Amino acid sequence: MNQTNYQKELINYIQEKHKVEGVIQTQIPALKFYTTTSLSEFTSVIYEPSLCIVLQGEKAVGFADEMFSYSETKYLLACTHIPANVRIQRASKEVPYVAVILKFSLEQIYEVLKEVDNSGINEKKGIEKGLCFDDLDGSLLEPLSRLIKLLDKSTSDIKFLSSLIMKEIIYILLERNGDFLKQHVLEGTLTNQIVKAITEIKNNFSQTINMKDLARTVGISESSLYHNFKKITSMSPLQFQKKIRLEEAKQMLITQNIEATQVAFAIGYESPSQFSREYSRMFGMSPIAHTNLIKNKDIA
């Protein structure tokens, strides 16, 4: 089956099984669908380590000072938590936007890497931004199709077989994007050290960053940490922490019945007024106004 046929088959499957729009979490924890018939404005997001495939439609991705777009012919690969601004720029009721998101961990990549490849990386390649775009073809869509069709099987089949197909997909990604993935996974690479710093900030976002301690923890100098952190994420460590905090605040306001002041303290702000100012700068309106807008539009 060629690429187009795989895409048509998967689009039909997703639309027949799921009539609602938005994010759809499947029985496979790593697998999500996203569908919409509406265009959108740019929205602030944090990409998790994942493979993102647009089966139908088109998305724009703003990262640092660059703008990328990808549709049915490309896929996006992220190996750590990467801040970006995204916009759905091709979608309609007649031809909805349909995408698949497959999350993975660096540990999963490392386990596959240990089994199939002990070689190093191209040392001449410098540290790169944390997002990778590549051409999409049937070699990825075929195992993805099998993974998605597992949703029709029993829970025990899903649990056992999904892990095998995930390994297969990671194996294919290693063949195609080996250096990019290895730099993030292999101990001792500068990219891996920055990924550890990103993870440390992500896991402890409400705490004050001590740059000396963070640099010492990941084993590099402060200047190298700052310079290369910005190459991968497009932000300084402090800017990244602020982004993580405010994204977490948005989710708390949407999903919990909690006052903005309580949220401010919970994510690490000492001043609710500072939290409100910085939230307004990022999202274009106050925390409460933004929460009401999202809930009313049901676009969370």
C-alpha atoms as a PDB file:
ATOM      1  CA  MET A   1       0.000   0.000   0.000  1.00  0.00           C
ATOM      2  CA  ASN A   2       1.391   3.435  -0.867  1.00  0.00           C
ATOM      3  CA  GLN A   3       1.592   6.509   1.363  1.00  0.00           C
ATOM      4  CA  THR A   4      -1.630   8.111   0.126  1.00  0.00           C
ATOM      5  CA  ASN A   5      -3.642   4.935   0.668  1.00  0.00           C
ATOM      6  CA  TYR A   6      -2.315   4.539   4.218  1.00  0.00           C
ATOM      7  CA  GLN A   7      -3.266   8.134   4.962  1.00  0.00           C
ATOM      8  CA  LYS A   8      -6.776   7.769   3.547  1.00  0.00           C
ATOM      9  CA  GLU A   9      -7.295   4.533   5.476  1.00  0.00           C
ATOM     10  CA  LEU A  10      -6.171   6.078   8.774  1.00  0.00           C
ATOM     11  CA  ILE A  11      -8.205   9.263   8.261  1.00  0.00           C
ATOM     12  CA  ASN A  12     -11.343   7.183   7.636  1.00  0.00           C
ATOM     13  CA  TYR A  13     -10.615   4.993  10.663  1.00  0.00           C
ATOM     14  CA  ILE A  14     -10.131   7.950  13.025  1.00  0.00           C
ATOM     15  CA  GLN A  15     -13.176   9.843  11.754  1.00  0.00           C
ATOM     16  CA  GLU A  16     -15.442   6.805  11.915  1.00  0.00           C
ATOM     17  CA  LYS A  17     -14.382   5.893  15.451  1.00  0.00           C
ATOM     18  CA  HIS A  18     -14.282   9.424  16.881  1.00  0.00           C
ATOM     19  CA  LYS A  19     -16.944  11.977  16.031  1.00  0.00           C
ATOM     20  CA  VAL A  20     -15.733  14.668  18.449  1.00  0.00           C
ATOM     21  CA  GLU A  21     -13.123  17.321  17.647  1.00  0.00           C
ATOM     22  CA  GLY A  22     -10.049  18.148  19.694  1.00  0.00           C
ATOM     23  CA  VAL A  23      -7.542  15.908  21.450  1.00  0.00           C
ATOM     24  CA  ILE A  24      -8.548  12.233  21.600  1.00  0.00           C
ATOM     25  CA  GLN A  25      -6.672  10.014  24.041  1.00  0.00           C
ATOM     26  CA  THR A  26      -6.703   6.379  22.924  1.00  0.00           C
ATOM     27  CA  GLN A  27      -6.422   3.148  24.924  1.00  0.00           C
ATOM     28  CA  ILE A  28      -2.723   3.192  24.065  1.00  0.00           C
ATOM     29  CA  PRO A  29      -1.305   5.776  26.523  1.00  0.00           C
ATOM     30  CA  ALA A  30       1.357   6.967  24.071  1.00  0.00           C
ATOM     31  CA  LEU A  31      -1.111   7.484  21.213  1.00  0.00           C
ATOM     32  CA  LYS A  32      -3.378  10.477  20.670  1.00  0.00           C
ATOM     33  CA  PHE A  33      -5.386  11.840  17.759  1.00  0.00           C
ATOM     34  CA  TYR A  34      -6.252  15.458  17.078  1.00  0.00           C
ATOM     35  CA  THR A  35      -9.008  16.559  14.736  1.00  0.00           C
ATOM     36  CA  THR A  36     -10.597  19.914  13.964  1.00  0.00           C
ATOM     37  CA  THR A  37     -12.617  21.565  11.225  1.00  0.00           C
ATOM     38  CA  SER A  38     -11.513  25.068  12.240  1.00  0.00           C
ATOM     39  CA  LEU A  39      -8.481  27.195  11.550  1.00  0.00           C
ATOM     40  CA  SER A  40      -6.776  28.674  14.608  1.00  0.00           C
ATOM     41  CA  GLU A  41      -4.647  31.571  15.724  1.00  0.00           C
ATOM     42  CA  PHE A  42      -1.135  30.905  16.996  1.00  0.00           C
ATOM     43  CA  THR A  43      -1.233  29.064  20.320  1.00  0.00           C
ATOM     44  CA  SER A  44       1.607  28.575  22.784  1.00  0.00           C
ATOM     45  CA  VAL A  45       2.512  24.895  23.341  1.00  0.00           C
ATOM     46  CA  ILE A  46       5.241  22.721  24.826  1.00  0.00           C
ATOM     47  CA  TYR A  47       6.105  19.766  22.618  1.00  0.00           C
ATOM     48  CA  GLU A  48       6.883  16.586  24.538  1.00  0.00           C
ATOM     49  CA  PRO A  49       9.226  13.902  23.170  1.00  0.00           C
ATOM     50  CA  SER A  50       7.036  12.664  20.343  1.00  0.00           C
ATOM     51  CA  LEU A  51       6.419  11.900  16.690  1.00  0.00           C
ATOM     52  CA  CYS A  52       3.745  14.137  15.161  1.00  0.00           C
ATOM     53  CA  ILE A  53       2.146  13.244  11.830  1.00  0.00           C
ATOM     54  CA  VAL A  54      -0.443  15.309   9.972  1.00  0.00           C
ATOM     55  CA  LEU A  55      -2.588  12.926   7.964  1.00  0.00           C
ATOM     56  CA  GLN A  56      -4.745  15.695   6.515  1.00  0.00           C
ATOM     57  CA  GLY A  57      -4.490  19.483   6.704  1.00  0.00           C
ATOM     58  CA  GLU A  58      -1.573  21.719   7.561  1.00  0.00           C
ATOM     59  CA  LYS A  59       0.030  23.169  10.683  1.00  0.00           C
ATOM     60  CA  ALA A  60       2.422  26.122  11.091  1.00  0.00           C
ATOM     61  CA  VAL A  61       5.081  25.908  13.796  1.00  0.00           C
ATOM     62  CA  GLY A  62       6.877  28.993  15.075  1.00  0.00           C
ATOM     63  CA  PHE A  63      10.174  28.228  16.775  1.00  0.00           C
ATOM     64  CA  ALA A  64      12.693  30.938  17.774  1.00  0.00           C
ATOM     65  CA  ASP A  65      12.710  33.368  14.842  1.00  0.00           C
ATOM     66  CA  GLU A  66      11.817  30.729  12.274  1.00  0.00           C
ATOM     67  CA  MET A  67       8.508  29.573  10.865  1.00  0.00           C
ATOM     68  CA  PHE A  68       7.938  26.035   9.629  1.00  0.00           C
ATOM     69  CA  SER A  69       4.903  24.335   8.161  1.00  0.00           C
ATOM     70  CA  TYR A  70       4.164  20.688   7.661  1.00  0.00           C
ATOM     71  CA  SER A  71       1.309  18.732   6.184  1.00  0.00           C
ATOM     72  CA  GLU A  72       0.746  15.304   4.653  1.00  0.00           C
ATOM     73  CA  THR A  73       4.280  15.065   3.256  1.00  0.00           C
ATOM     74  CA  LYS A  74       6.306  15.750   6.432  1.00  0.00           C
ATOM     75  CA  TYR A  75       6.517  14.660  10.041  1.00  0.00           C
ATOM     76  CA  LEU A  76       7.774  16.440  13.137  1.00  0.00           C
ATOM     77  CA  LEU A  77      10.065  14.810  15.682  1.00  0.00           C
ATOM     78  CA  ALA A  78      10.787  16.257  19.142  1.00  0.00           C
ATOM     79  CA  CYS A  79      13.207  14.593  21.569  1.00  0.00           C
ATOM     80  CA  THR A  80      12.739  16.816  24.596  1.00  0.00           C
ATOM     81  CA  HIS A  81      10.320  19.462  25.885  1.00  0.00           C
ATOM     82  CA  ILE A  82      10.360  22.228  23.269  1.00  0.00           C
ATOM     83  CA  PRO A  83       8.366  25.481  23.443  1.00  0.00           C
ATOM     84  CA  ALA A  84       6.727  26.603  20.214  1.00  0.00           C
ATOM     85  CA  ASN A  85       3.779  28.489  18.790  1.00  0.00           C
ATOM     86  CA  VAL A  86       1.457  26.515  16.535  1.00  0.00           C
ATOM     87  CA  ARG A  87      -1.440  27.298  14.240  1.00  0.00           C
ATOM     88  CA  ILE A  88      -3.814  25.112  12.237  1.00  0.00           C
ATOM     89  CA  GLN A  89      -3.727  26.734   8.809  1.00  0.00           C
ATOM     90  CA  ARG A  90      -5.584  24.217   6.655  1.00  0.00           C
ATOM     91  CA  ALA A  91      -8.807  22.659   7.924  1.00  0.00           C
ATOM     92  CA  SER A  92     -12.490  22.747   6.999  1.00  0.00           C
ATOM     93  CA  LYS A  93     -15.752  20.877   7.560  1.00  0.00           C
ATOM     94  CA  GLU A  94     -15.314  19.236   4.170  1.00  0.00           C
ATOM     95  CA  VAL A  95     -11.654  18.339   4.756  1.00  0.00           C
ATOM     96  CA  PRO A  96     -10.896  18.279   8.517  1.00  0.00           C
ATOM     97  CA  TYR A  97      -7.436  18.525  10.006  1.00  0.00           C
ATOM     98  CA  VAL A  98      -6.438  15.070  11.278  1.00  0.00           C
ATOM     99  CA  ALA A  99      -3.188  14.374  13.130  1.00  0.00           C
ATOM    100  CA  VAL A 100      -1.580  11.569  15.117  1.00  0.00           C
ATOM    101  CA  ILE A 101       0.725  12.156  18.105  1.00  0.00           C
ATOM    102  CA  LEU A 102       2.897   9.312  19.358  1.00  0.00           C
ATOM    103  CA  LYS A 103       4.776  10.003  22.591  1.00  0.00           C
ATOM    104  CA  PHE A 104       7.937   8.167  23.562  1.00  0.00           C
ATOM    105  CA  SER A 105      10.701   8.409  26.127  1.00  0.00           C
ATOM    106  CA  LEU A 106      14.431   8.713  25.619  1.00  0.00           C
ATOM    107  CA  GLU A 107      14.726   5.455  27.555  1.00  0.00           C
ATOM    108  CA  GLN A 108      12.683   3.703  24.853  1.00  0.00           C
ATOM    109  CA  ILE A 109      15.012   5.054  22.173  1.00  0.00           C
ATOM    110  CA  TYR A 110      18.043   3.991  24.169  1.00  0.00           C
ATOM    111  CA  GLU A 111      16.720   0.451  24.596  1.00  0.00           C
ATOM    112  CA  VAL A 112      16.266   0.083  20.833  1.00  0.00           C
ATOM    113  CA  LEU A 113      19.641   1.679  20.209  1.00  0.00           C
ATOM    114  CA  LYS A 114      21.363  -0.853  22.477  1.00  0.00           C
ATOM    115  CA  GLU A 115      19.881  -3.736  20.495  1.00  0.00           C
ATOM    116  CA  VAL A 116      20.591  -2.537  16.979  1.00  0.00           C
ATOM    117  CA  ASP A 117      23.461  -0.045  16.920  1.00  0.00           C
ATOM    118  CA  ASN A 118      26.562   0.551  19.001  1.00  0.00           C
ATOM    119  CA  SER A 119      28.047   3.191  16.727  1.00  0.00           C
ATOM    120  CA  GLY A 120      28.536   6.782  17.773  1.00  0.00           C
ATOM    121  CA  ILE A 121      27.325   9.949  16.155  1.00  0.00           C
ATOM    122  CA  ASN A 122      28.726  12.277  13.559  1.00  0.00           C
ATOM    123  CA  GLU A 123      31.001  14.391  15.754  1.00  0.00           C
ATOM    124  CA  LYS A 124      31.171  17.120  13.115  1.00  0.00           C
ATOM    125  CA  LYS A 125      27.509  17.921  13.558  1.00  0.00           C
ATOM    126  CA  GLY A 126      26.963  20.808  15.911  1.00  0.00           C
ATOM    127  CA  ILE A 127      24.229  21.032  18.500  1.00  0.00           C
ATOM    128  CA  GLU A 128      20.874  21.562  16.795  1.00  0.00           C
ATOM    129  CA  LYS A 129      17.435  22.906  17.588  1.00  0.00           C
ATOM    130  CA  GLY A 130      15.204  20.463  19.389  1.00  0.00           C
ATOM    131  CA  LEU A 131      12.716  19.960  16.547  1.00  0.00           C
ATOM    132  CA  CYS A 132      13.352  17.881  13.432  1.00  0.00           C
ATOM    133  CA  PHE A 133      11.243  17.784  10.261  1.00  0.00           C
ATOM    134  CA  ASP A 134      11.584  14.989   7.714  1.00  0.00           C
ATOM    135  CA  ASP A 135       9.772  13.503   4.732  1.00  0.00           C
ATOM    136  CA  LEU A 136       6.870  11.182   5.493  1.00  0.00           C
ATOM    137  CA  ASP A 137       6.420   7.945   3.556  1.00  0.00           C
ATOM    138  CA  GLY A 138       4.884   4.488   3.823  1.00  0.00           C
ATOM    139  CA  SER A 139       7.737   3.063   5.900  1.00  0.00           C
ATOM    140  CA  LEU A 140       6.430   4.962   8.938  1.00  0.00           C
ATOM    141  CA  LEU A 141       2.746   4.859   8.079  1.00  0.00           C
ATOM    142  CA  GLU A 142       2.641   1.051   7.769  1.00  0.00           C
ATOM    143  CA  PRO A 143       3.602   0.265  11.407  1.00  0.00           C
ATOM    144  CA  LEU A 144       1.618   3.290  12.580  1.00  0.00           C
ATOM    145  CA  SER A 145      -1.432   1.829  10.834  1.00  0.00           C
ATOM    146  CA  ARG A 146      -0.919  -1.497  12.615  1.00  0.00           C
ATOM    147  CA  LEU A 147      -0.543   0.313  15.948  1.00  0.00           C
ATOM    148  CA  ILE A 148      -3.780   2.236  15.461  1.00  0.00           C
ATOM    149  CA  LYS A 149      -5.696  -0.868  14.378  1.00  0.00           C
ATOM    150  CA  LEU A 150      -4.689  -2.537  17.651  1.00  0.00           C
ATOM    151  CA  LEU A 151      -7.364  -0.338  19.232  1.00  0.00           C
ATOM    152  CA  ASP A 152      -9.912  -2.838  17.896  1.00  0.00           C
ATOM    153  CA  LYS A 153      -8.285  -5.702  19.779  1.00  0.00           C
ATOM    154  CA  SER A 154      -8.394  -6.862  23.391  1.00  0.00           C
ATOM    155  CA  THR A 155      -6.677  -5.037  26.231  1.00  0.00           C
ATOM    156  CA  SER A 156      -4.067  -7.793  26.572  1.00  0.00           C
ATOM    157  CA  ASP A 157      -3.304  -7.658  22.826  1.00  0.00           C
ATOM    158  CA  ILE A 158      -2.979  -3.877  22.979  1.00  0.00           C
ATOM    159  CA  LYS A 159      -0.635  -3.990  25.951  1.00  0.00           C
ATOM    160  CA  PHE A 160       1.708  -6.612  24.482  1.00  0.00           C
ATOM    161  CA  LEU A 161       1.701  -5.741  20.794  1.00  0.00           C
ATOM    162  CA  SER A 162       1.793  -1.944  21.114  1.00  0.00           C
ATOM    163  CA  SER A 163       5.207  -2.064  22.791  1.00  0.00           C
ATOM    164  CA  LEU A 164       6.579  -4.175  19.926  1.00  0.00           C
ATOM    165  CA  ILE A 165       5.239  -1.835  17.250  1.00  0.00           C
ATOM    166  CA  MET A 166       6.559   1.176  19.186  1.00  0.00           C
ATOM    167  CA  LYS A 167      10.035  -0.414  19.058  1.00  0.00           C
ATOM    168  CA  GLU A 168       9.631  -0.913  15.319  1.00  0.00           C
ATOM    169  CA  ILE A 169       8.681   2.726  14.782  1.00  0.00           C
ATOM    170  CA  ILE A 170      11.616   3.928  16.884  1.00  0.00           C
ATOM    171  CA  TYR A 171      13.906   1.613  14.877  1.00  0.00           C
ATOM    172  CA  ILE A 172      12.715   3.258  11.636  1.00  0.00           C
ATOM    173  CA  LEU A 173      13.229   6.736  13.122  1.00  0.00           C
ATOM    174  CA  LEU A 174      16.764   5.757  14.146  1.00  0.00           C
ATOM    175  CA  GLU A 175      17.478   4.684  10.578  1.00  0.00           C
ATOM    176  CA  ARG A 176      16.227   8.017   9.266  1.00  0.00           C
ATOM    177  CA  ASN A 177      17.157  10.480  12.012  1.00  0.00           C
ATOM    178  CA  GLY A 178      19.934   8.618  13.784  1.00  0.00           C
ATOM    179  CA  ASP A 179      22.279  11.466  14.661  1.00  0.00           C
ATOM    180  CA  PHE A 180      19.427  13.674  15.865  1.00  0.00           C
ATOM    181  CA  LEU A 181      18.094  10.965  18.179  1.00  0.00           C
ATOM    182  CA  LYS A 182      21.476   9.715  19.378  1.00  0.00           C
ATOM    183  CA  GLN A 183      22.639  13.190  20.381  1.00  0.00           C
ATOM    184  CA  HIS A 184      19.671  13.400  22.745  1.00  0.00           C
ATOM    185  CA  VAL A 185      20.047   9.900  24.150  1.00  0.00           C
ATOM    186  CA  LEU A 186      23.732   8.997  24.421  1.00  0.00           C
ATOM    187  CA  GLU A 187      25.526   9.809  27.670  1.00  0.00           C
ATOM    188  CA  GLY A 188      28.364  12.287  27.285  1.00  0.00           C
ATOM    189  CA  THR A 189      26.972  14.230  24.344  1.00  0.00           C
ATOM    190  CA  LEU A 190      26.401  17.929  24.901  1.00  0.00           C
ATOM    191  CA  THR A 191      22.828  17.659  23.671  1.00  0.00           C
ATOM    192  CA  ASN A 192      22.123  14.923  26.227  1.00  0.00           C
ATOM    193  CA  GLN A 193      23.495  17.140  28.995  1.00  0.00           C
ATOM    194  CA  ILE A 194      21.187  19.969  27.916  1.00  0.00           C
ATOM    195  CA  VAL A 195      18.251  17.532  27.776  1.00  0.00           C
ATOM    196  CA  LYS A 196      18.999  16.626  31.384  1.00  0.00           C
ATOM    197  CA  ALA A 197      18.906  20.336  32.283  1.00  0.00           C
ATOM    198  CA  ILE A 198      15.593  20.745  30.441  1.00  0.00           C
ATOM    199  CA  THR A 199      14.146  17.759  32.304  1.00  0.00           C
ATOM    200  CA  GLU A 200      15.417  19.077  35.634  1.00  0.00           C
ATOM    201  CA  ILE A 201      13.691  22.424  35.073  1.00  0.00           C
ATOM    202  CA  LYS A 202      10.514  20.762  33.780  1.00  0.00           C
ATOM    203  CA  ASN A 203      10.292  18.461  36.810  1.00  0.00           C
ATOM    204  CA  ASN A 204      10.995  21.249  39.327  1.00  0.00           C
ATOM    205  CA  PHE A 205       9.454  24.251  37.570  1.00  0.00           C
ATOM    206  CA  SER A 206       8.052  25.831  40.742  1.00  0.00           C
ATOM    207  CA  GLN A 207      11.495  26.071  42.363  1.00  0.00           C
ATOM    208  CA  THR A 208      14.027  28.851  41.885  1.00  0.00           C
ATOM    209  CA  ILE A 209      16.766  27.971  39.395  1.00  0.00           C
ATOM    210  CA  ASN A 210      20.330  28.100  40.674  1.00  0.00           C
ATOM    211  CA  MET A 211      22.334  28.157  37.451  1.00  0.00           C
ATOM    212  CA  LYS A 212      25.598  27.127  39.120  1.00  0.00           C
ATOM    213  CA  ASP A 213      23.963  24.098  40.723  1.00  0.00           C
ATOM    214  CA  LEU A 214      22.142  23.168  37.515  1.00  0.00           C
ATOM    215  CA  ALA A 215      25.326  23.394  35.439  1.00  0.00           C
ATOM    216  CA  ARG A 216      27.186  21.303  38.010  1.00  0.00           C
ATOM    217  CA  THR A 217      24.397  18.704  38.049  1.00  0.00           C
ATOM    218  CA  VAL A 218      24.519  18.153  34.272  1.00  0.00           C
ATOM    219  CA  GLY A 219      28.320  18.442  34.103  1.00  0.00           C
ATOM    220  CA  ILE A 220      28.964  21.555  31.994  1.00  0.00           C
ATOM    221  CA  SER A 221      29.918  25.184  32.550  1.00  0.00           C
ATOM    222  CA  GLU A 222      27.312  27.885  33.148  1.00  0.00           C
ATOM    223  CA  SER A 223      28.180  29.623  29.878  1.00  0.00           C
ATOM    224  CA  SER A 224      27.896  26.377  27.895  1.00  0.00           C
ATOM    225  CA  LEU A 225      24.591  25.583  29.612  1.00  0.00           C
ATOM    226  CA  TYR A 226      23.117  28.969  28.747  1.00  0.00           C
ATOM    227  CA  HIS A 227      24.431  29.082  25.171  1.00  0.00           C
ATOM    228  CA  ASN A 228      23.435  25.555  24.174  1.00  0.00           C
ATOM    229  CA  PHE A 229      20.144  25.537  26.101  1.00  0.00           C
ATOM    230  CA  LYS A 230      19.100  28.446  23.906  1.00  0.00           C
ATOM    231  CA  LYS A 231      20.189  26.621  20.736  1.00  0.00           C
ATOM    232  CA  ILE A 232      17.955  23.652  21.500  1.00  0.00           C
ATOM    233  CA  THR A 233      14.902  25.372  23.009  1.00  0.00           C
ATOM    234  CA  SER A 234      15.233  28.920  21.579  1.00  0.00           C
ATOM    235  CA  MET A 235      15.014  30.215  25.184  1.00  0.00           C
ATOM    236  CA  SER A 236      17.268  30.798  28.153  1.00  0.00           C
ATOM    237  CA  PRO A 237      16.748  28.460  31.141  1.00  0.00           C
ATOM    238  CA  LEU A 238      14.833  31.201  32.998  1.00  0.00           C
ATOM    239  CA  GLN A 239      12.622  31.963  29.988  1.00  0.00           C
ATOM    240  CA  PHE A 240      11.962  28.247  29.583  1.00  0.00           C
ATOM    241  CA  GLN A 241      10.997  27.909  33.239  1.00  0.00           C
ATOM    242  CA  LYS A 242       8.596  30.845  32.905  1.00  0.00           C
ATOM    243  CA  LYS A 243       7.013  29.230  29.843  1.00  0.00           C
ATOM    244  CA  ILE A 244       6.591  25.923  31.684  1.00  0.00           C
ATOM    245  CA  ARG A 245       5.111  27.685  34.711  1.00  0.00           C
ATOM    246  CA  LEU A 246       2.582  29.642  32.689  1.00  0.00           C
ATOM    247  CA  GLU A 247       1.551  26.627  30.610  1.00  0.00           C
ATOM    248  CA  GLU A 248       1.027  24.716  33.852  1.00  0.00           C
ATOM    249  CA  ALA A 249      -0.989  27.646  35.217  1.00  0.00           C
ATOM    250  CA  LYS A 250      -3.209  27.579  32.120  1.00  0.00           C
ATOM    251  CA  GLN A 251      -3.953  23.882  32.613  1.00  0.00           C
ATOM    252  CA  MET A 252      -4.667  24.354  36.312  1.00  0.00           C
ATOM    253  CA  LEU A 253      -7.083  27.211  35.607  1.00  0.00           C
ATOM    254  CA  ILE A 254      -8.877  25.175  32.938  1.00  0.00           C
ATOM    255  CA  THR A 255      -9.139  21.886  34.817  1.00  0.00           C
ATOM    256  CA  GLN A 256      -9.422  22.933  38.463  1.00  0.00           C
ATOM    257  CA  ASN A 257     -11.807  25.171  40.342  1.00  0.00           C
ATOM    258  CA  ILE A 258      -9.044  27.351  41.736  1.00  0.00           C
ATOM    259  CA  GLU A 259      -8.383  31.088  42.049  1.00  0.00           C
ATOM    260  CA  ALA A 260      -5.646  32.752  40.008  1.00  0.00           C
ATOM    261  CA  THR A 261      -3.867  33.827  43.210  1.00  0.00           C
ATOM    262  CA  GLN A 262      -3.667  30.216  44.400  1.00  0.00           C
ATOM    263  CA  VAL A 263      -2.339  29.159  41.016  1.00  0.00           C
ATOM    264  CA  ALA A 264       0.347  31.859  41.152  1.00  0.00           C
ATOM    265  CA  PHE A 265       1.709  30.555  44.451  1.00  0.00           C
ATOM    266  CA  ALA A 266       1.393  26.907  43.376  1.00  0.00           C
ATOM    267  CA  ILE A 267       3.616  27.384  40.300  1.00  0.00           C
ATOM    268  CA  GLY A 268       6.286  29.329  42.166  1.00  0.00           C
ATOM    269  CA  TYR A 269       5.376  33.012  41.930  1.00  0.00           C
ATOM    270  CA  GLU A 270       5.697  35.107  45.068  1.00  0.00           C
ATOM    271  CA  SER A 271       3.616  37.941  43.620  1.00  0.00           C
ATOM    272  CA  PRO A 272       0.138  37.301  42.116  1.00  0.00           C
ATOM    273  CA  SER A 273       0.325  40.651  40.311  1.00  0.00           C
ATOM    274  CA  GLN A 274       3.601  39.641  38.621  1.00  0.00           C
ATOM    275  CA  PHE A 275       2.009  36.327  37.643  1.00  0.00           C
ATOM    276  CA  SER A 276      -0.969  38.139  36.114  1.00  0.00           C
ATOM    277  CA  ARG A 277       1.297  40.514  34.154  1.00  0.00           C
ATOM    278  CA  GLU A 278       3.470  37.731  32.763  1.00  0.00           C
ATOM    279  CA  TYR A 279       0.473  35.542  31.961  1.00  0.00           C
ATOM    280  CA  SER A 280      -1.096  38.445  30.049  1.00  0.00           C
ATOM    281  CA  ARG A 281       2.120  38.998  28.093  1.00  0.00           C
ATOM    282  CA  MET A 282       2.268  35.347  27.028  1.00  0.00           C
ATOM    283  CA  PHE A 283      -1.398  34.699  26.279  1.00  0.00           C
ATOM    284  CA  GLY A 284      -2.611  38.205  25.410  1.00  0.00           C
ATOM    285  CA  MET A 285      -5.149  38.496  28.238  1.00  0.00           C
ATOM    286  CA  SER A 286      -5.538  38.014  31.979  1.00  0.00           C
ATOM    287  CA  PRO A 287      -5.629  34.503  33.479  1.00  0.00           C
ATOM    288  CA  ILE A 288      -9.364  34.619  34.159  1.00  0.00           C
ATOM    289  CA  ALA A 289     -10.283  36.120  30.769  1.00  0.00           C
ATOM    290  CA  HIS A 290      -8.140  33.540  28.974  1.00  0.00           C
ATOM    291  CA  THR A 291      -9.628  30.659  30.968  1.00  0.00           C
ATOM    292  CA  ASN A 292     -13.173  31.787  30.178  1.00  0.00           C
ATOM    293  CA  LEU A 293     -12.333  32.130  26.483  1.00  0.00           C
ATOM    294  CA  ILE A 294     -10.837  28.628  26.281  1.00  0.00           C
ATOM    295  CA  LYS A 295     -13.703  27.024  28.182  1.00  0.00           C
ATOM    296  CA  ASN A 296     -16.316  28.806  26.070  1.00  0.00           C
ATOM    297  CA  LYS A 297     -14.619  27.773  22.826  1.00  0.00           C
ATOM    298  CA  ASP A 298     -13.869  24.298  24.161  1.00  0.00           C
ATOM    299  CA  ILE A 299     -10.375  24.418  22.687  1.00  0.00           C
ATOM    300  CA  ALA A 300      -8.387  23.357  25.746  1.00  0.00           C
END
